Amino acid sequence: MRVARALFGDRVEPAIQHEGHWVRAGVLAAGKDRDVLELLGRRAELLSQLADADLSTLVSAGDAVPDEQVDLRQPLLGPRAIVAVGLNYRDHVAEVSWEAPPTPLLFAKWPSSLTGPYDRVALDASISSQVDYEVELAAVIGQPTLDVPVDRALGQVAGYTIANDLSARDIQTSESQWTRAKSFDGFCPIGPWVTTADEVPDPQRLQLSSFVNGKRRQHASTAQMIHGVAELVAFASRATTLMPGDLILTGTPSGVALGASDPQWLKPGDVVRIEIETLGHLENQLVDRGAR
């Protein structure tokens, strides 16, 4: 099941994809609006309700919008934590000439960095002139998770989405920690929806790619991760409780600007497209901060 936040009239509300349409979740829950995270845990109930619904009636009432006309927004609001993982693909480690860590290398992105799948992202050359892209699979935690063993860790994941871990490389390489360089406003586009975990039986078998202005920059498989999703969830939950809605960004493969002999840093006007097999795509245009 795919769940998202979509525009219905003048309101952005949780929605579920069904037969080529996005259906407002509120019409399936006795008139009550539900958030995306809650929908992830009600898959069987919602699918049953959708099977009984009259799609043409929903469309006529403005409660269902065709896929090609829908306006999807940032799917998750207000996660407590965004846990990101660095250097988790060997080819990426090699291209930046760093060393692969023996255990997952975790850092944070501030929640204020989140933005929608098609939103513009503002750049400020006075702050950073070396902004980079990173296609990443993101796992959405579904329940409080503390000290979970690896063999049970995927059971704590409610769903998966796509993230672009935008990074100010000049700041990242000049400071002893990475959080600020990764957390400017808009530096974490996610979406376009969250796919429930049951539809991603093996998160280590997904193709992922990035494109800048239509030219492919990254292409790999999540099978190439050094530390798989289960290990990352287990490691991140050691002595730290992960909460429902928290995101784990699982690292990026090779092909980033930082690893090139002639880096092509992102600039205003560029369009970055991020794709992951079966999970959709993000497409964000970069703009000058003063022109936003």
Foldseek 3Di string as FASTA:
>chain_A
DWWFWWDQPNDTAIWDDDDQKTFGCCVLPVNDTDAQLVCLVCPVSSVVSVVPDDVVVCVVVSRIGGPVPIDTWQGFPDFPWAKEWEPFFVQACVLLVHDRDPATDIDTADRQQETEQAEADADAVVVAPFKKKFKWKKFFFRAKDALDDLVCQLVRTSWIKIWIQIFRVVVCVVDPGGHVRRHDRNRIYIDSTTDGVVVVVDQQAKWKWKDKQRHTQDIDTSVRTNAHPSSVSNVVRYVNIRHGGHMYTRYGHDRMQSSDPHRDGDDAQMWMWIDMPPRGIGIYGYHHPVVD
